[in-house]
Amino acid sequence: MPPPDLSRAAFLRLAAGAVAARTAGAVAAEPMLKRTIPSTGRTLPVVGCGTWRTFDVAPGPGREPLAQVLRTLFAAGGSVIDSSPMYGRSEEAVGDLLTGIDGHARAFVATKVWTTGREAGIDQMRRSLTLLQRERIELMQVHNLLDWRTHLATLRDWKAEGRIGHLGVTHYTESAHDALEAVMRAEALDFVQINYALDDRAVERRILPLAAERGIAVLVNQPFGGGGLLRGLRDRPLPGVAAELGCTSWAQLLLKFVLGHPAVTCVIPGTSRPAHMADNAAAGRGPLPDAAMRRRILAAWEAG
């Protein structure tokens, strides 16, 4: 289907409002979509929560909105919470908050090792377990491929011992794609975490197809382009394709664009606001765009 005719923008805005109002009620009652982790067969809800910057908060009243963010995630059917020692007090905040939230046992907690050397890596991961107040981490990742050979060997041992459920690697720069591709080809990975957004699609060329080929689950961070993409769209009307997908916000449409790629397992946008978490989670319900719809979303964004 071709991109929407921009001369019909006024009509499409009216139609979008009418259709979205009808669709939202039906979609809200639907469970969050899930996708399968190829290596283990476990299914994951497609929208989770990242904690970079947003959860780096000292103990006290400032953490209460974060508790509500996690409650909102669980109420919507989500489970994935991603952190890192790199994120300041985020691991500590997640650990403290989860202990007081109903349903915390179903959380799929992911974090990372971000140091050099075997013993330093083990010490850091033990500290993460303590801060997160977990006996087992569902996913441990080598952050930005730092000393990945050393840490993957440890992670394989920890997985065999049941200390972690899955292992993976992460990176966020296009300049690292050659190295990331080499690791994905050489190693048995459960996950790869990358950045992917409407305005940052470099991973479509090699990384996402390779993940599908190798049976590697994909976590996507920065699906809003680090925030700049969403801010730039704030005052623009939604295109007609949004109503067809049941989207009532640009955030939902951007997340559905990412989730429309079949290699993507879960998106983990970060937020400290419960209302934003609810809005993000809504993208995990209802239809996802096919390739033609994704082209229409891209065209609407490029049209300005």
Protein backbone atom coordinates (compact mmCIF):
# COMPACT_ATOMS: atom_id res chain seq x y z
CA MET A 1 0.00 0.00 0.00
CA PRO A 2 1.45 3.43 -0.90
CA PRO A 3 2.14 6.11 1.70
CA PRO A 4 -0.92 8.21 2.62
CA ASP A 5 -1.60 11.21 0.43
CA LEU A 6 -0.64 14.24 2.49
CA SER A 7 -3.37 16.33 0.85
CA ARG A 8 -5.86 14.20 2.74
CA ALA A 9 -4.28 14.98 6.11
CA ALA A 10 -7.34 16.69 7.55
CA PHE A 11 -9.59 13.81 6.57
CA LEU A 12 -7.17 11.27 7.96
CA ARG A 13 -6.94 13.08 11.28
CA LEU A 14 -10.69 12.93 11.67
CA ALA A 15 -10.82 9.30 10.60
CA ALA A 16 -7.94 8.40 12.88
CA GLY A 17 -9.70 9.87 15.89
CA ALA A 18 -12.89 7.99 15.21
CA VAL A 19 -11.25 4.65 14.51
CA ALA A 20 -8.76 4.95 17.39
CA ALA A 21 -11.55 5.64 19.85
CA ARG A 22 -13.31 2.45 18.80
CA THR A 23 -10.10 0.42 18.60
CA ALA A 24 -8.61 1.58 21.92
CA GLY A 25 -11.43 0.12 23.96
CA ALA A 26 -11.11 -3.26 22.27
CA VAL A 27 -7.32 -3.31 22.37
CA ALA A 28 -7.16 -2.34 26.06
CA ALA A 29 -8.81 -5.62 26.99
CA GLU A 30 -6.33 -7.68 25.00
CA PRO A 31 -3.29 -9.31 26.64
CA MET A 32 0.16 -8.02 25.76
CA LEU A 33 1.68 -9.79 22.79
CA LYS A 34 4.53 -12.20 23.43
CA ARG A 35 7.45 -13.46 21.38
CA THR A 36 9.58 -16.54 21.85
CA ILE A 37 13.22 -16.62 22.93
CA PRO A 38 14.55 -19.00 20.25
CA SER A 39 17.22 -20.69 22.38
CA THR A 40 14.97 -21.63 25.29
CA GLY A 41 11.41 -21.47 23.98
CA ARG A 42 10.35 -19.12 26.78
CA THR A 43 7.95 -16.37 25.74
CA LEU A 44 8.41 -12.72 26.67
CA PRO A 45 5.94 -9.84 26.62
CA VAL A 46 7.03 -7.48 23.86
CA VAL A 47 7.23 -4.25 25.92
CA GLY A 48 9.47 -3.92 28.96
CA CYS A 49 11.22 -1.14 30.86
CA GLY A 50 14.77 0.17 30.67
CA THR A 51 16.37 1.92 33.64
CA TRP A 52 19.19 4.01 32.17
CA ARG A 53 19.05 7.44 33.89
CA THR A 54 15.39 7.04 34.87
CA PHE A 55 15.99 4.70 37.84
CA ASP A 56 19.21 6.31 39.07
CA VAL A 57 17.36 7.73 42.08
CA ALA A 58 18.39 7.78 45.76
CA PRO A 59 16.22 6.01 48.35
CA GLY A 60 13.27 8.07 49.50
CA PRO A 61 10.07 9.63 48.15
CA GLY A 62 11.65 10.13 44.73
CA ARG A 63 11.40 6.40 44.11
CA GLU A 64 7.64 6.17 44.57
CA PRO A 65 6.86 7.09 40.94
CA LEU A 66 9.29 4.36 39.90
CA ALA A 67 7.39 1.83 41.98
CA GLN A 68 4.26 2.86 40.13
CA VAL A 69 6.09 2.48 36.81
CA LEU A 70 6.81 -1.15 37.68
CA ARG A 71 3.27 -1.76 38.92
CA THR A 72 1.98 -0.35 35.65
CA LEU A 73 4.33 -2.59 33.67
CA PHE A 74 3.12 -5.70 35.49
CA ALA A 75 -0.55 -4.70 35.32
CA ALA A 76 -0.20 -4.34 31.56
CA GLY A 77 1.27 -7.83 31.28
CA GLY A 78 4.91 -6.83 30.89
CA SER A 79 7.84 -8.40 32.73
CA VAL A 80 11.23 -7.33 31.31
CA ILE A 81 13.29 -4.87 33.38
CA ASP A 82 16.78 -4.09 32.10
CA SER A 83 19.60 -2.46 34.07
CA SER A 84 23.39 -2.28 34.38
CA PRO A 85 26.13 -1.40 36.89
CA MET A 86 26.78 1.50 34.51
CA TYR A 87 23.41 3.02 35.43
CA GLY A 88 24.32 4.43 38.85
CA ARG A 89 21.79 3.39 41.51
CA SER A 90 19.40 1.77 39.06
CA GLU A 91 20.09 -1.83 40.08
CA GLU A 92 19.67 -0.93 43.75
CA ALA A 93 16.42 0.90 42.98
CA VAL A 94 15.02 -2.03 41.00
CA GLY A 95 15.91 -4.47 43.77
CA ASP A 96 14.34 -2.36 46.50
CA LEU A 97 11.20 -1.58 44.54
CA LEU A 98 10.55 -5.13 43.35
CA THR A 99 10.49 -6.47 46.90
CA GLY A 100 7.42 -4.36 47.68
CA ILE A 101 5.42 -4.97 44.51
CA ASP A 102 2.86 -7.69 43.95
CA GLY A 103 3.74 -9.86 41.00
CA HIS A 104 7.47 -9.14 41.29
CA ALA A 105 8.26 -12.85 41.10
CA ARG A 106 7.36 -12.91 37.42
CA ALA A 107 9.80 -10.11 36.58
CA PHE A 108 12.32 -10.98 33.89
CA VAL A 109 15.30 -9.09 35.30
CA ALA A 110 18.21 -8.38 32.99
CA THR A 111 21.47 -6.66 33.81
CA LYS A 112 25.04 -6.55 32.53
CA VAL A 113 28.69 -7.04 33.34
CA TRP A 114 30.73 -3.95 32.56
CA THR A 115 34.35 -4.32 33.60
CA THR A 116 37.54 -6.11 32.55
CA GLY A 117 39.02 -9.29 33.97
CA ARG A 118 37.47 -12.55 35.11
CA GLU A 119 37.53 -11.93 38.86
CA ALA A 120 36.39 -8.33 38.50
CA GLY A 121 33.51 -9.56 36.35
CA ILE A 122 32.50 -12.18 38.90
CA ASP A 123 32.67 -9.66 41.73
CA GLN A 124 30.55 -7.19 39.80
CA MET A 125 27.91 -9.78 38.91
CA ARG A 126 27.73 -10.96 42.53
CA ARG A 127 27.16 -7.36 43.56
CA SER A 128 24.40 -7.05 40.94
CA LEU A 129 22.68 -10.10 42.43
CA THR A 130 22.89 -8.47 45.86
CA LEU A 131 21.62 -5.09 44.70
CA LEU A 132 18.80 -6.60 42.67
CA GLN A 133 17.94 -8.91 45.60
CA ARG A 134 17.73 -11.90 43.28
CA GLU A 135 19.19 -15.37 43.60
CA ARG A 136 19.05 -15.72 39.82
CA ILE A 137 19.22 -13.20 36.98
CA GLU A 138 17.16 -14.08 33.96
CA LEU A 139 19.54 -12.40 31.53
CA MET A 140 23.17 -11.35 32.03
CA GLN A 141 24.75 -9.42 29.17
CA VAL A 142 28.28 -8.28 28.35
CA HIS A 143 27.86 -4.53 28.20
CA ASN A 144 29.18 -2.97 24.98
CA LEU A 145 31.31 -6.08 24.32
CA LEU A 146 33.77 -5.04 27.04
CA ASP A 147 36.17 -7.99 27.55
CA TRP A 148 33.52 -10.22 26.04
CA ARG A 149 35.65 -13.34 25.60
CA THR A 150 36.48 -13.43 29.30
CA HIS A 151 32.94 -12.74 30.48
CA LEU A 152 31.14 -15.07 28.08
CA ALA A 153 33.19 -17.96 29.45
CA THR A 154 32.03 -17.07 32.97
CA LEU A 155 28.44 -16.60 31.81
CA ARG A 156 28.39 -20.05 30.27
CA ASP A 157 29.48 -21.50 33.62
CA TRP A 158 26.88 -19.45 35.51
CA LYS A 159 24.15 -20.53 33.13
CA ALA A 160 25.08 -24.19 33.58
CA GLU A 161 24.93 -23.65 37.36
CA GLY A 162 21.51 -21.98 37.14
CA ARG A 163 22.68 -18.57 38.38
CA ILE A 164 21.47 -16.97 35.17
CA GLY A 165 18.82 -18.05 32.72
CA HIS A 166 20.16 -16.48 29.54
CA LEU A 167 23.33 -14.78 28.31
CA GLY A 168 23.98 -12.14 25.71
CA VAL A 169 25.92 -9.12 24.52
CA THR A 170 25.06 -5.48 23.88
CA HIS A 171 26.26 -2.50 21.88
CA TYR A 172 24.82 0.85 20.90
CA THR A 173 27.03 2.26 18.13
CA GLU A 174 26.99 1.54 14.42
CA SER A 175 30.79 1.60 14.42
CA ALA A 176 30.73 -1.57 16.55
CA HIS A 177 28.53 -3.55 14.16
CA ASP A 178 31.45 -5.42 12.60
CA ALA A 179 32.61 -6.60 16.01
CA LEU A 180 29.05 -7.36 17.12
CA GLU A 181 28.39 -9.39 13.99
CA ALA A 182 31.59 -11.38 14.51
CA VAL A 183 30.57 -12.29 18.08
CA MET A 184 27.05 -13.21 16.98
CA ARG A 185 28.49 -15.55 14.35
CA ALA A 186 31.09 -17.13 16.58
CA GLU A 187 29.28 -17.54 19.89
CA ALA A 188 26.12 -19.29 21.09
CA LEU A 189 24.08 -16.34 22.39
CA ASP A 190 20.57 -16.18 23.78
CA PHE A 191 20.22 -12.40 23.36
CA VAL A 192 21.67 -9.38 21.69
CA GLN A 193 20.69 -5.88 22.80
CA ILE A 194 20.93 -3.03 20.31
CA ASN A 195 19.49 0.41 19.66
CA TYR A 196 16.85 0.65 16.94
CA ALA A 197 14.39 3.40 16.10
CA LEU A 198 12.60 4.99 13.19
CA ASP A 199 15.50 7.44 12.79
CA ASP A 200 18.24 4.89 13.62
CA ARG A 201 17.83 1.87 11.38
CA ALA A 202 21.42 0.74 10.76
CA VAL A 203 20.78 -2.63 12.48
CA GLU A 204 18.30 -3.52 9.74
CA ARG A 205 21.16 -4.15 7.32
CA ARG A 206 23.06 -6.92 9.08
CA ILE A 207 22.39 -7.28 12.81
CA LEU A 208 18.66 -8.00 12.78
CA PRO A 209 18.81 -10.46 9.85
CA LEU A 210 21.74 -12.24 11.50
CA ALA A 211 19.86 -12.48 14.82
CA ALA A 212 16.96 -14.14 13.00
CA GLU A 213 19.33 -16.48 11.16
CA ARG A 214 21.20 -17.47 14.33
CA GLY A 215 18.14 -17.77 16.59
CA ILE A 216 19.17 -14.91 18.88
CA ALA A 217 16.50 -12.94 20.73
CA VAL A 218 16.70 -9.15 20.35
CA LEU A 219 16.18 -6.50 23.02
CA VAL A 220 15.82 -2.98 21.64
CA ASN A 221 16.82 0.06 23.66
CA GLN A 222 16.33 3.70 22.65
CA PRO A 223 13.31 2.99 20.41
CA PHE A 224 12.55 6.71 20.62
CA GLY A 225 15.96 7.66 19.23
CA GLY A 226 17.26 8.66 22.64
CA GLY A 227 14.20 10.87 23.16
CA GLY A 228 14.90 13.38 20.42
CA LEU A 229 12.75 11.58 17.88
CA LEU A 230 9.69 11.58 20.13
CA ARG A 231 10.16 15.22 21.14
CA GLY A 232 10.31 16.23 17.50
CA LEU A 233 7.00 14.51 16.78
CA ARG A 234 5.13 15.81 19.82
CA ASP A 235 3.17 18.50 17.96
CA ARG A 236 2.61 16.62 14.73
CA PRO A 237 -0.73 14.90 14.03
CA LEU A 238 -0.71 11.12 13.83
CA PRO A 239 -0.79 9.67 10.30
CA GLY A 240 -3.73 7.56 9.20
CA VAL A 241 -1.81 4.32 9.66
CA ALA A 242 -1.82 4.96 13.43
CA ALA A 243 -5.58 4.41 13.65
CA GLU A 244 -5.31 1.20 11.66
CA LEU A 245 -2.90 -0.09 14.32
CA GLY A 246 -4.94 1.16 17.28
CA CYS A 247 -2.30 3.76 18.20
CA THR A 248 -3.35 6.89 20.05
CA SER A 249 0.13 8.42 20.46
CA TRP A 250 3.38 8.79 18.59
CA ALA A 251 5.11 6.75 21.30
CA GLN A 252 2.87 3.79 20.53
CA LEU A 253 3.41 4.16 16.79
CA LEU A 254 7.21 4.35 17.15
CA LEU A 255 7.23 1.24 19.33
CA LYS A 256 4.97 -0.63 16.92
CA PHE A 257 7.30 0.30 14.06
CA VAL A 258 10.18 -1.39 15.93
CA LEU A 259 8.10 -4.37 17.03
CA GLY A 260 6.91 -4.80 13.46
CA HIS A 261 10.35 -6.16 12.58
CA PRO A 262 10.01 -9.93 13.08
CA ALA A 263 13.52 -10.28 14.57
CA VAL A 264 12.71 -8.00 17.51
CA THR A 265 11.71 -9.79 20.70
CA CYS A 266 11.12 -6.95 23.17
CA VAL A 267 11.50 -3.17 23.36
CA ILE A 268 12.69 -1.60 26.62
CA PRO A 269 12.03 2.16 26.57
CA GLY A 270 13.07 3.86 29.78
CA THR A 271 10.72 6.07 31.74
CA SER A 272 10.20 7.40 35.26
CA ARG A 273 6.54 8.29 34.64
CA PRO A 274 3.73 5.79 35.18
CA ALA A 275 1.57 7.44 32.51
CA HIS A 276 4.35 7.00 29.97
CA MET A 277 4.77 3.37 31.00
CA ALA A 278 1.05 2.80 30.41
CA ASP A 279 1.28 4.50 27.03
CA ASN A 280 4.32 2.42 26.06
CA ALA A 281 2.68 -0.81 27.19
CA ALA A 282 -0.34 -0.13 25.00
CA ALA A 283 1.94 -0.61 21.98
CA GLY A 284 2.23 -4.25 22.97
CA ARG A 285 -1.44 -4.90 22.32
CA GLY A 286 -3.38 -5.13 19.09
CA PRO A 287 -2.00 -5.49 15.57
CA LEU A 288 1.61 -4.90 14.60
CA PRO A 289 2.54 -3.32 11.27
CA ASP A 290 3.53 -5.47 8.32
CA ALA A 291 6.28 -4.38 5.94
CA ALA A 292 3.92 -2.19 3.90
CA MET A 293 2.62 -0.43 7.02
CA ARG A 294 6.15 0.12 8.27
CA ARG A 295 6.98 1.84 4.98
CA ARG A 296 3.94 4.09 5.45
CA ILE A 297 5.06 5.01 8.98
CA LEU A 298 8.54 5.81 7.67
CA ALA A 299 7.11 7.89 4.82
CA ALA A 300 4.87 9.85 7.20
CA TRP A 301 7.86 10.67 9.40
CA GLU A 302 10.07 11.63 6.46
CA ALA A 303 7.33 13.87 5.06
CA GLY A 304 7.69 16.13 8.09
